[in-house]
C-alpha atoms as a PDB file:
ATOM      1  CA  MET A   1      93.016  70.092  89.605  1.00  0.00           C
ATOM      2  CA  THR A   2      95.479  67.878  88.868  1.00  0.00           C
ATOM      3  CA  PHE A   3      98.554  71.205  88.670  1.00  0.00           C
ATOM      4  CA  ILE A   4      96.881  71.776  92.400  1.00  0.00           C
ATOM      5  CA  ALA A   5      97.010  68.468  93.687  1.00  0.00           C
ATOM      6  CA  ARG A   6     100.724  68.222  92.536  1.00  0.00           C
ATOM      7  CA  ARG A   7     101.884  71.746  93.667  1.00  0.00           C
ATOM      8  CA  LEU A   8     100.455  70.306  97.135  1.00  0.00           C
ATOM      9  CA  ALA A   9     101.845  67.296  96.826  1.00  0.00           C
ATOM     10  CA  LEU A  10     104.939  68.963  96.582  1.00  0.00           C
ATOM     11  CA  ALA A  11     104.832  71.010  99.292  1.00  0.00           C
ATOM     12  CA  LEU A  12     104.139  68.203 101.852  1.00  0.00           C
ATOM     13  CA  PRO A  13     107.902  67.190 102.549  1.00  0.00           C
ATOM     14  CA  ALA A  14     108.619  71.235 103.243  1.00  0.00           C
ATOM     15  CA  LEU A  15     106.041  70.875 106.260  1.00  0.00           C
ATOM     16  CA  ILE A  16     107.242  67.485 107.139  1.00  0.00           C
ATOM     17  CA  GLY A  17     110.662  68.795 107.616  1.00  0.00           C
ATOM     18  CA  VAL A  18     109.239  71.839 109.297  1.00  0.00           C
ATOM     19  CA  ALA A  19     107.791  69.902 112.103  1.00  0.00           C
ATOM     20  CA  ILE A  20     111.083  67.913 112.331  1.00  0.00           C
ATOM     21  CA  PHE A  21     113.297  70.891 112.528  1.00  0.00           C
ATOM     22  CA  SER A  22     111.279  72.745 114.230  1.00  0.00           C
ATOM     23  CA  PHE A  23     110.659  70.065 117.364  1.00  0.00           C
ATOM     24  CA  LEU A  24     114.610  69.486 117.088  1.00  0.00           C
ATOM     25  CA  LEU A  25     115.470  73.544 117.532  1.00  0.00           C
ATOM     26  CA  ILE A  26     113.109  74.022 120.757  1.00  0.00           C
ATOM     27  CA  HIS A  27     114.550  70.932 122.639  1.00  0.00           C
ATOM     28  CA  PHE A  28     118.408  72.337 121.959  1.00  0.00           C
ATOM     29  CA  ILE A  29     117.347  75.370 123.091  1.00  0.00           C
ATOM     30  CA  PRO A  30     119.458  76.470 126.487  1.00  0.00           C
ATOM     31  CA  GLY A  31     116.906  76.631 129.543  1.00  0.00           C
ATOM     32  CA  ASP A  32     114.468  74.626 131.289  1.00  0.00           C
ATOM     33  CA  PRO A  33     110.793  75.151 131.227  1.00  0.00           C
ATOM     34  CA  VAL A  34     110.906  73.334 134.815  1.00  0.00           C
ATOM     35  CA  ASP A  35     112.590  76.325 135.963  1.00  0.00           C
ATOM     36  CA  ILE A  36     110.809  78.842 134.832  1.00  0.00           C
ATOM     37  CA  MET A  37     107.227  77.218 136.272  1.00  0.00           C
ATOM     38  CA  LEU A  38     109.237  76.560 139.333  1.00  0.00           C
ATOM     39  CA  GLY A  39     111.748  79.399 139.844  1.00  0.00           C
ATOM     40  CA  ASP A  40     114.966  78.122 141.766  1.00  0.00           C
ATOM     41  CA  GLN A  41     113.730  77.647 145.268  1.00  0.00           C
ATOM     42  CA  ALA A  42     112.106  74.235 144.047  1.00  0.00           C
ATOM     43  CA  SER A  43     113.037  71.020 145.657  1.00  0.00           C
ATOM     44  CA  ALA A  44     114.514  68.256 143.119  1.00  0.00           C
ATOM     45  CA  ALA A  45     111.735  65.836 143.879  1.00  0.00           C
ATOM     46  CA  ASP A  46     109.053  68.692 142.948  1.00  0.00           C
ATOM     47  CA  ARG A  47     111.089  69.354 139.598  1.00  0.00           C
ATOM     48  CA  GLU A  48     111.247  66.087 138.987  1.00  0.00           C
ATOM     49  CA  ALA A  49     107.168  65.618 139.043  1.00  0.00           C
ATOM     50  CA  LEU A  50     106.417  67.909 137.213  1.00  0.00           C
ATOM     51  CA  ARG A  51     109.171  67.197 134.615  1.00  0.00           C
ATOM     52  CA  HIS A  52     107.558  63.381 134.286  1.00  0.00           C
ATOM     53  CA  ALA A  53     103.829  64.975 134.638  1.00  0.00           C
ATOM     54  CA  ILE A  54     104.303  67.089 131.459  1.00  0.00           C
ATOM     55  CA  GLY A  55     106.177  64.293 129.971  1.00  0.00           C
ATOM     56  CA  LEU A  56     109.344  65.892 129.654  1.00  0.00           C
ATOM     57  CA  ASP A  57     111.442  63.147 131.561  1.00  0.00           C
ATOM     58  CA  LEU A  58     110.915  60.714 128.205  1.00  0.00           C
ATOM     59  CA  PRO A  59     113.412  60.176 125.552  1.00  0.00           C
ATOM     60  CA  LEU A  60     113.403  62.408 122.965  1.00  0.00           C
ATOM     61  CA  THR A  61     112.593  60.240 120.491  1.00  0.00           C
ATOM     62  CA  GLN A  62     109.375  59.372 122.636  1.00  0.00           C
ATOM     63  CA  GLN A  63     108.487  62.719 123.131  1.00  0.00           C
ATOM     64  CA  PHE A  64     109.169  63.064 118.885  1.00  0.00           C
ATOM     65  CA  VAL A  65     106.626  60.133 118.276  1.00  0.00           C
ATOM     66  CA  ASN A  66     103.816  61.847 120.561  1.00  0.00           C
ATOM     67  CA  TYR A  67     104.112  65.266 118.779  1.00  0.00           C
ATOM     68  CA  ALA A  68     103.633  63.054 115.129  1.00  0.00           C
ATOM     69  CA  LYS A  69     100.834  61.601 116.814  1.00  0.00           C
ATOM     70  CA  GLY A  70      99.399  64.976 117.807  1.00  0.00           C
ATOM     71  CA  LEU A  71     100.153  66.387 114.260  1.00  0.00           C
ATOM     72  CA  ALA A  72      98.170  63.578 112.638  1.00  0.00           C
ATOM     73  CA  ARG A  73      94.876  64.394 114.874  1.00  0.00           C
ATOM     74  CA  PHE A  74      95.548  68.219 114.295  1.00  0.00           C
ATOM     75  CA  ASP A  75      96.284  68.144 117.979  1.00  0.00           C
ATOM     76  CA  LEU A  76      99.152  70.582 118.235  1.00  0.00           C
ATOM     77  CA  GLY A  77      99.595  69.525 122.424  1.00  0.00           C
ATOM     78  CA  THR A  78      99.309  71.343 125.538  1.00  0.00           C
ATOM     79  CA  SER A  79     100.380  74.828 126.703  1.00  0.00           C
ATOM     80  CA  LEU A  80     103.357  74.090 129.620  1.00  0.00           C
ATOM     81  CA  MET A  81     102.296  77.796 131.026  1.00  0.00           C
ATOM     82  CA  SER A  82      98.658  78.209 130.725  1.00  0.00           C
ATOM     83  CA  GLY A  83      97.462  74.736 130.651  1.00  0.00           C
ATOM     84  CA  ARG A  84      95.047  75.274 127.450  1.00  0.00           C
ATOM     85  CA  LYS A  85      95.022  73.502 124.383  1.00  0.00           C
ATOM     86  CA  VAL A  86      98.029  75.246 121.752  1.00  0.00           C
ATOM     87  CA  ASN A  87      95.106  75.583 119.390  1.00  0.00           C
ATOM     88  CA  ASP A  88      92.954  77.481 121.605  1.00  0.00           C
ATOM     89  CA  VAL A  89      95.930  79.439 122.214  1.00  0.00           C
ATOM     90  CA  ILE A  90      97.102  80.333 118.650  1.00  0.00           C
ATOM     91  CA  ALA A  91      93.394  81.009 117.648  1.00  0.00           C
ATOM     92  CA  THR A  92      93.003  83.737 120.185  1.00  0.00           C
ATOM     93  CA  HIS A  93      96.183  85.233 118.637  1.00  0.00           C
ATOM     94  CA  LEU A  94      95.462  84.334 115.021  1.00  0.00           C
ATOM     95  CA  GLN A  95      92.638  86.867 114.342  1.00  0.00           C
ATOM     96  CA  PRO A  96      94.847  89.910 115.582  1.00  0.00           C
ATOM     97  CA  THR A  97      97.855  88.863 112.881  1.00  0.00           C
ATOM     98  CA  LEU A  98      95.271  88.509 110.401  1.00  0.00           C
ATOM     99  CA  GLU A  99      94.214  92.284 110.754  1.00  0.00           C
ATOM    100  CA  LEU A 100      97.771  93.658 110.604  1.00  0.00           C
ATOM    101  CA  ALA A 101      98.540  91.431 107.902  1.00  0.00           C
ATOM    102  CA  PHE A 102      95.462  92.354 105.494  1.00  0.00           C
ATOM    103  CA  ALA A 103      95.804  96.041 106.619  1.00  0.00           C
ATOM    104  CA  ALA A 104      99.355  95.981 105.384  1.00  0.00           C
ATOM    105  CA  PHE A 105      98.670  94.133 102.178  1.00  0.00           C
ATOM    106  CA  LEU A 106      96.305  96.630 101.318  1.00  0.00           C
ATOM    107  CA  LEU A 107      98.229  99.260 102.182  1.00  0.00           C
ATOM    108  CA  ALA A 108     101.565  98.434 100.099  1.00  0.00           C
ATOM    109  CA  LEU A 109      98.995  97.340  97.131  1.00  0.00           C
ATOM    110  CA  CYS A 110      97.521 100.816  97.761  1.00  0.00           C
ATOM    111  CA  ILE A 111     100.571 102.413  97.894  1.00  0.00           C
ATOM    112  CA  GLY A 112     103.199 100.121  95.373  1.00  0.00           C
ATOM    113  CA  LEU A 113     101.078  99.857  92.808  1.00  0.00           C
ATOM    114  CA  PRO A 114     100.029 103.252  91.184  1.00  0.00           C
ATOM    115  CA  LEU A 115     103.681 104.607  92.559  1.00  0.00           C
ATOM    116  CA  GLY A 116     105.259 101.568  90.159  1.00  0.00           C
ATOM    117  CA  VAL A 117     103.109 103.015  87.443  1.00  0.00           C
ATOM    118  CA  LEU A 118     104.006 106.602  87.989  1.00  0.00           C
ATOM    119  CA  ALA A 119     108.046 105.628  88.161  1.00  0.00           C
ATOM    120  CA  ALA A 120     107.366 104.123  84.560  1.00  0.00           C
ATOM    121  CA  ARG A 121     105.256 107.006  83.391  1.00  0.00           C
ATOM    122  CA  PHE A 122     108.153 109.446  84.436  1.00  0.00           C
ATOM    123  CA  ARG A 123     111.068 107.257  83.507  1.00  0.00           C
ATOM    124  CA  ASP A 124     113.998 108.709  84.480  1.00  0.00           C
ATOM    125  CA  ARG A 125     113.195 112.131  85.097  1.00  0.00           C
ATOM    126  CA  MET A 126     112.362 114.259  88.262  1.00  0.00           C
ATOM    127  CA  PRO A 127     108.946 111.460  89.785  1.00  0.00           C
ATOM    128  CA  ASP A 128     110.824 108.661  88.987  1.00  0.00           C
ATOM    129  CA  ARG A 129     114.381 109.572  90.816  1.00  0.00           C
ATOM    130  CA  ALA A 130     112.141 110.409  93.995  1.00  0.00           C
ATOM    131  CA  LEU A 131     110.279 107.048  93.629  1.00  0.00           C
ATOM    132  CA  LYS A 132     113.828 104.912  93.461  1.00  0.00           C
ATOM    133  CA  GLY A 133     114.957 106.498  96.732  1.00  0.00           C
ATOM    134  CA  PHE A 134     112.019 105.810  98.148  1.00  0.00           C
ATOM    135  CA  SER A 135     112.362 102.107  97.056  1.00  0.00           C
ATOM    136  CA  LEU A 136     115.829 101.979  98.450  1.00  0.00           C
ATOM    137  CA  LEU A 137     114.814 103.195 101.816  1.00  0.00           C
ATOM    138  CA  GLY A 138     111.747 101.037 102.138  1.00  0.00           C
ATOM    139  CA  THR A 139     113.935  97.560 100.841  1.00  0.00           C
ATOM    140  CA  SER A 140     116.992  98.653 103.074  1.00  0.00           C
ATOM    141  CA  ALA A 141     115.272  99.929 106.590  1.00  0.00           C
ATOM    142  CA  PRO A 142     114.149  97.274 108.935  1.00  0.00           C
ATOM    143  CA  SER A 143     111.263  97.142 110.408  1.00  0.00           C
ATOM    144  CA  TYR A 144     112.657  97.151 114.122  1.00  0.00           C
ATOM    145  CA  TRP A 145     114.543 101.092 113.135  1.00  0.00           C
ATOM    146  CA  THR A 146     111.079 102.200 111.040  1.00  0.00           C
ATOM    147  CA  GLY A 147     108.784 100.907 113.767  1.00  0.00           C
ATOM    148  CA  PRO A 148     110.809 102.705 116.620  1.00  0.00           C
ATOM    149  CA  ILE A 149     111.421 106.203 114.105  1.00  0.00           C
ATOM    150  CA  LEU A 150     107.391 106.096 113.446  1.00  0.00           C
ATOM    151  CA  VAL A 151     106.504 106.044 117.562  1.00  0.00           C
ATOM    152  CA  TYR A 152     108.597 108.818 117.921  1.00  0.00           C
ATOM    153  CA  LEU A 153     107.218 110.711 115.403  1.00  0.00           C
ATOM    154  CA  PHE A 154     103.655 110.075 115.202  1.00  0.00           C
ATOM    155  CA  ALA A 155     102.791 109.007 118.904  1.00  0.00           C
ATOM    156  CA  LEU A 156     105.051 110.983 120.875  1.00  0.00           C
ATOM    157  CA  LYS A 157     106.191 113.662 118.985  1.00  0.00           C
ATOM    158  CA  LEU A 158     103.124 114.443 117.507  1.00  0.00           C
ATOM    159  CA  ASN A 159     100.857 112.702 119.133  1.00  0.00           C
ATOM    160  CA  TRP A 160      98.680 111.648 116.703  1.00  0.00           C
ATOM    161  CA  LEU A 161      98.090 107.742 117.199  1.00  0.00           C
ATOM    162  CA  PRO A 162      98.497 105.511 119.789  1.00  0.00           C
ATOM    163  CA  ILE A 163     101.816 104.006 120.254  1.00  0.00           C
ATOM    164  CA  SER A 164     100.189 100.274 120.625  1.00  0.00           C
ATOM    165  CA  GLU A 165      97.531  97.637 121.817  1.00  0.00           C
ATOM    166  CA  ARG A 166      94.777  96.966 119.667  1.00  0.00           C
ATOM    167  CA  ASP A 167      91.723  99.258 120.791  1.00  0.00           C
ATOM    168  CA  GLY A 168      90.695 100.432 117.721  1.00  0.00           C
ATOM    169  CA  PHE A 169      91.370 101.709 114.078  1.00  0.00           C
ATOM    170  CA  GLU A 170      94.030 104.316 115.130  1.00  0.00           C
ATOM    171  CA  ASN A 171      96.366 101.382 116.978  1.00  0.00           C
ATOM    172  CA  LEU A 172      96.171  99.767 113.490  1.00  0.00           C
ATOM    173  CA  ILE A 173      98.317 102.572 111.527  1.00  0.00           C
ATOM    174  CA  LEU A 174     101.502 102.707 112.591  1.00  0.00           C
ATOM    175  CA  PRO A 175     102.515  99.236 113.024  1.00  0.00           C
ATOM    176  CA  ALA A 176     100.174  98.385 109.593  1.00  0.00           C
ATOM    177  CA  PHE A 177     102.794 100.864 107.701  1.00  0.00           C
ATOM    178  CA  THR A 178     105.783  99.719 109.432  1.00  0.00           C
ATOM    179  CA  LEU A 179     105.447  96.205 108.594  1.00  0.00           C
ATOM    180  CA  SER A 180     104.262  97.443 104.353  1.00  0.00           C
ATOM    181  CA  LEU A 181     107.230  99.722 103.745  1.00  0.00           C
ATOM    182  CA  GLY A 182     109.276  96.630 102.891  1.00  0.00           C
ATOM    183  CA  LEU A 183     106.543  95.604 100.599  1.00  0.00           C
ATOM    184  CA  SER A 184     105.299  98.803  98.495  1.00  0.00           C
ATOM    185  CA  ALA A 185     109.265  99.384  97.922  1.00  0.00           C
ATOM    186  CA  VAL A 186     109.767  96.484  95.919  1.00  0.00           C
ATOM    187  CA  LEU A 187     106.324  96.746  94.384  1.00  0.00           C
ATOM    188  CA  VAL A 188     107.212  99.951  93.449  1.00  0.00           C
ATOM    189  CA  GLN A 189     110.564  98.224  91.891  1.00  0.00           C
ATOM    190  CA  ILE A 190     108.725  95.344  90.200  1.00  0.00           C
ATOM    191  CA  THR A 191     105.425  97.084  88.865  1.00  0.00           C
ATOM    192  CA  ARG A 192     107.878  99.429  87.355  1.00  0.00           C
ATOM    193  CA  ALA A 193     110.449  97.076  85.504  1.00  0.00           C
ATOM    194  CA  ALA A 194     107.215  95.095  84.731  1.00  0.00           C
ATOM    195  CA  MET A 195     105.733  98.112  83.321  1.00  0.00           C
ATOM    196  CA  LEU A 196     108.490  99.550  81.162  1.00  0.00           C
ATOM    197  CA  GLU A 197     108.556  96.164  79.693  1.00  0.00           C
ATOM    198  CA  THR A 198     105.475  95.928  78.609  1.00  0.00           C
ATOM    199  CA  LEU A 199     104.827  99.587  77.142  1.00  0.00           C
ATOM    200  CA  SER A 200     107.258  98.250  74.799  1.00  0.00           C
ATOM    201  CA  GLU A 201     105.134  95.775  72.832  1.00  0.00           C
ATOM    202  CA  ASP A 202     103.393  96.528  69.855  1.00  0.00           C
ATOM    203  CA  PHE A 203     100.081  96.458  71.176  1.00  0.00           C
ATOM    204  CA  ILE A 204     100.802  99.112  73.220  1.00  0.00           C
ATOM    205  CA  ARG A 205     101.938 101.382  70.077  1.00  0.00           C
ATOM    206  CA  THR A 206      98.766 100.093  68.425  1.00  0.00           C
ATOM    207  CA  ALA A 207      96.265 101.240  71.600  1.00  0.00           C
ATOM    208  CA  ARG A 208      97.913 104.764  71.796  1.00  0.00           C
ATOM    209  CA  ALA A 209      97.981 104.900  67.503  1.00  0.00           C
ATOM    210  CA  LYS A 210      94.451 104.356  67.662  1.00  0.00           C
ATOM    211  CA  GLY A 211      93.770 107.444  70.551  1.00  0.00           C
ATOM    212  CA  VAL A 212      93.227 104.941  73.778  1.00  0.00           C
ATOM    213  CA  PRO A 213      94.284 107.634  76.289  1.00  0.00           C
ATOM    214  CA  GLU A 214      97.046 107.536  78.062  1.00  0.00           C
ATOM    215  CA  ILE A 215      95.404 106.897  82.136  1.00  0.00           C
ATOM    216  CA  ARG A 216      93.530 103.596  80.040  1.00  0.00           C
ATOM    217  CA  VAL A 217      97.147 102.762  78.280  1.00  0.00           C
ATOM    218  CA  TYR A 218      98.949 102.322  81.351  1.00  0.00           C
ATOM    219  CA  PHE A 219      96.321 100.720  84.006  1.00  0.00           C
ATOM    220  CA  ARG A 220      93.917  99.157  81.607  1.00  0.00           C
ATOM    221  CA  HIS A 221      96.615  97.286  79.089  1.00  0.00           C
ATOM    222  CA  ALA A 222     100.033  97.808  80.266  1.00  0.00           C
ATOM    223  CA  LEU A 223      99.424  96.932  84.126  1.00  0.00           C
ATOM    224  CA  ALA A 224      96.632  94.530  83.169  1.00  0.00           C
ATOM    225  CA  ASN A 225      99.348  92.577  80.957  1.00  0.00           C
ATOM    226  CA  ALA A 226     102.572  93.163  83.340  1.00  0.00           C
ATOM    227  CA  SER A 227     100.280  91.534  85.498  1.00  0.00           C
ATOM    228  CA  VAL A 228     102.446  88.138  86.016  1.00  0.00           C
ATOM    229  CA  PRO A 229     105.711  89.215  87.549  1.00  0.00           C
ATOM    230  CA  VAL A 230     103.779  91.450  89.567  1.00  0.00           C
ATOM    231  CA  ALA A 231     101.626  88.948  91.350  1.00  0.00           C
ATOM    232  CA  THR A 232     104.406  86.393  91.493  1.00  0.00           C
ATOM    233  CA  VAL A 233     106.136  88.899  94.156  1.00  0.00           C
ATOM    234  CA  ILE A 234     103.018  89.749  95.519  1.00  0.00           C
ATOM    235  CA  GLY A 235     102.567  85.968  96.836  1.00  0.00           C
ATOM    236  CA  LEU A 236     105.806  85.553  97.620  1.00  0.00           C
ATOM    237  CA  GLN A 237     105.583  88.691  99.394  1.00  0.00           C
ATOM    238  CA  LEU A 238     102.282  88.066 101.174  1.00  0.00           C
ATOM    239  CA  GLY A 239     103.695  85.251 102.814  1.00  0.00           C
ATOM    240  CA  ALA A 240     106.315  87.068 104.413  1.00  0.00           C
ATOM    241  CA  LEU A 241     103.959  90.000 105.728  1.00  0.00           C
ATOM    242  CA  LEU A 242     102.256  86.475 107.729  1.00  0.00           C
ATOM    243  CA  THR A 243     105.219  85.239 108.726  1.00  0.00           C
ATOM    244  CA  GLY A 244     107.280  88.791 109.199  1.00  0.00           C
ATOM    245  CA  THR A 245     105.384  90.251 112.111  1.00  0.00           C
ATOM    246  CA  VAL A 246     106.941  88.631 115.109  1.00  0.00           C
ATOM    247  CA  ILE A 247     109.527  92.038 115.251  1.00  0.00           C
ATOM    248  CA  VAL A 248     106.489  94.926 114.257  1.00  0.00           C
ATOM    249  CA  GLU A 249     104.093  92.869 116.736  1.00  0.00           C
ATOM    250  CA  THR A 250     106.432  93.148 119.583  1.00  0.00           C
ATOM    251  CA  ILE A 251     107.080  96.584 118.818  1.00  0.00           C
ATOM    252  CA  PHE A 252     103.679  97.791 119.350  1.00  0.00           C
ATOM    253  CA  ASP A 253     102.481  95.061 121.749  1.00  0.00           C
ATOM    254  CA  TRP A 254     100.321  93.689 118.960  1.00  0.00           C
ATOM    255  CA  PRO A 255      98.904  90.368 120.321  1.00  0.00           C
ATOM    256  CA  GLY A 256      99.279  88.457 117.146  1.00  0.00           C
ATOM    257  CA  ILE A 257     101.079  85.548 116.435  1.00  0.00           C
ATOM    258  CA  GLY A 258     104.400  87.241 116.733  1.00  0.00           C
ATOM    259  CA  THR A 259     103.735  88.010 120.397  1.00  0.00           C
ATOM    260  CA  LEU A 260     102.606  84.981 120.928  1.00  0.00           C
ATOM    261  CA  LEU A 261     106.149  82.950 119.749  1.00  0.00           C
ATOM    262  CA  TYR A 262     107.991  85.865 121.191  1.00  0.00           C
ATOM    263  CA  GLN A 263     106.361  85.282 124.644  1.00  0.00           C
ATOM    264  CA  SER A 264     106.599  81.209 124.565  1.00  0.00           C
ATOM    265  CA  ILE A 265     110.217  81.443 123.655  1.00  0.00           C
ATOM    266  CA  SER A 266     111.135  83.171 126.305  1.00  0.00           C
ATOM    267  CA  ARG A 267     109.328  81.005 128.940  1.00  0.00           C
ATOM    268  CA  ARG A 268     110.149  77.796 126.856  1.00  0.00           C
ATOM    269  CA  ASP A 269     106.768  76.336 126.095  1.00  0.00           C
ATOM    270  CA  TYR A 270     107.771  73.979 123.823  1.00  0.00           C
ATOM    271  CA  PRO A 271     104.332  72.968 122.619  1.00  0.00           C
ATOM    272  CA  VAL A 272     103.167  76.574 121.588  1.00  0.00           C
ATOM    273  CA  VAL A 273     106.425  77.774 120.552  1.00  0.00           C
ATOM    274  CA  GLN A 274     106.498  74.492 117.690  1.00  0.00           C
ATOM    275  CA  GLY A 275     102.745  75.299 117.159  1.00  0.00           C
ATOM    276  CA  CYS A 276     103.352  79.121 116.130  1.00  0.00           C
ATOM    277  CA  ILE A 277     106.084  77.767 113.674  1.00  0.00           C
ATOM    278  CA  LEU A 278     104.640  75.273 111.993  1.00  0.00           C
ATOM    279  CA  LEU A 279     101.523  77.678 111.690  1.00  0.00           C
ATOM    280  CA  ILE A 280     103.695  79.815 110.104  1.00  0.00           C
ATOM    281  CA  ALA A 281     105.613  77.296 108.121  1.00  0.00           C
ATOM    282  CA  VAL A 282     102.157  76.102 106.472  1.00  0.00           C
ATOM    283  CA  THR A 283     101.081  79.271 105.702  1.00  0.00           C
ATOM    284  CA  TYR A 284     103.971  80.659 103.662  1.00  0.00           C
ATOM    285  CA  VAL A 285     104.141  77.336 101.688  1.00  0.00           C
ATOM    286  CA  LEU A 286     100.425  77.608 101.234  1.00  0.00           C
ATOM    287  CA  VAL A 287     100.683  80.749 100.017  1.00  0.00           C
ATOM    288  CA  ASN A 288     103.507  80.189  97.552  1.00  0.00           C
ATOM    289  CA  VAL A 289     100.886  77.434  95.959  1.00  0.00           C
ATOM    290  CA  LEU A 290      98.301  79.521  95.744  1.00  0.00           C
ATOM    291  CA  THR A 291     100.787  82.010  94.197  1.00  0.00           C
ATOM    292  CA  GLU A 292     101.497  79.159  91.392  1.00  0.00           C
ATOM    293  CA  ILE A 293      97.858  79.150  90.727  1.00  0.00           C
ATOM    294  CA  VAL A 294      97.604  82.563  90.782  1.00  0.00           C
ATOM    295  CA  GLN A 295     100.381  82.110  88.184  1.00  0.00           C
ATOM    296  CA  ALA A 296      99.156  79.857  86.020  1.00  0.00           C
ATOM    297  CA  ALA A 297      95.637  81.410  85.866  1.00  0.00           C
ATOM    298  CA  LEU A 298      96.818  84.549  84.496  1.00  0.00           C
ATOM    299  CA  HIS A 299      99.449  82.830  82.078  1.00  0.00           C
ATOM    300  CA  PRO A 300      98.249  79.446  80.858  1.00  0.00           C
ATOM    301  CA  ARG A 301     101.286  78.410  79.294  1.00  0.00           C
ATOM    302  CA  MET A 302     103.236  78.324  82.758  1.00  0.00           C
ATOM    303  CA  ARG A 303     100.650  75.431  83.155  1.00  0.00           C
ATOM    304  CA  GLU A 304     101.133  73.269  80.640  1.00  0.00           C
ATOM    305  CA  ALA A 305     104.769  73.689  80.962  1.00  0.00           C
ATOM    306  CA  SER A 306     104.719  72.236  84.261  1.00  0.00           C
END
């Protein structure tokens, strides 16, 4: 418990810094939400009245104080556009993002781990070379490129899958695969490297000398002992996966946090943007803390050293 408490305490300054940075950044973005809400034809008196009603006429320091007081009560404020509580707005869009991230994460594990073991099994042979090419493509191809390519091939050309929205399981396939491609490629590389290092250990040679089947050698002994670096990468990539859905959700019109953040930035809806950024930061920090806890559980010496 002391280890966990120490990690959480170290994460607190990062979260405070993100809250301050997101507040200042949003207020320095060009554009006035009052102009967007009222349009160009509104009178100066109407603009000032609305600016006073939503608190934008207060000094920046006072606005931050009000924002910080709200955060202390876990109150992210009220949307300037819809008038709804930001907590409620984010809660509405959170489930679709979690669905997409979980599906992409599961898909990446099902692809990356077995292919990484396969690459280690056929080191420097044709399967290994082919998987190196897949890893290179997956890590270098951005989602804003792979997403439209997949839409063109499987939705427009072959007409196998729907393009957008969230109506059923088939709508989840293309965005989940697009989001999982990068993580799958990284997992192949890391799993291969960790497996090759573990396969050179003495206990692997002992297991083979005892006649243990190769499939058990690879998946039961080698993969289990290569779990620490793999778990580290999985944890870090999971944080990036949960926080990196903005582009994919926008491409596939997926009604999650990423789409909400994009729309809120366009509308200069300050409270919603701040709430989304804070949620993304909290998620990333907590996932990193959880990764360190899992590392310590898999490798107790790391916990003792820290």
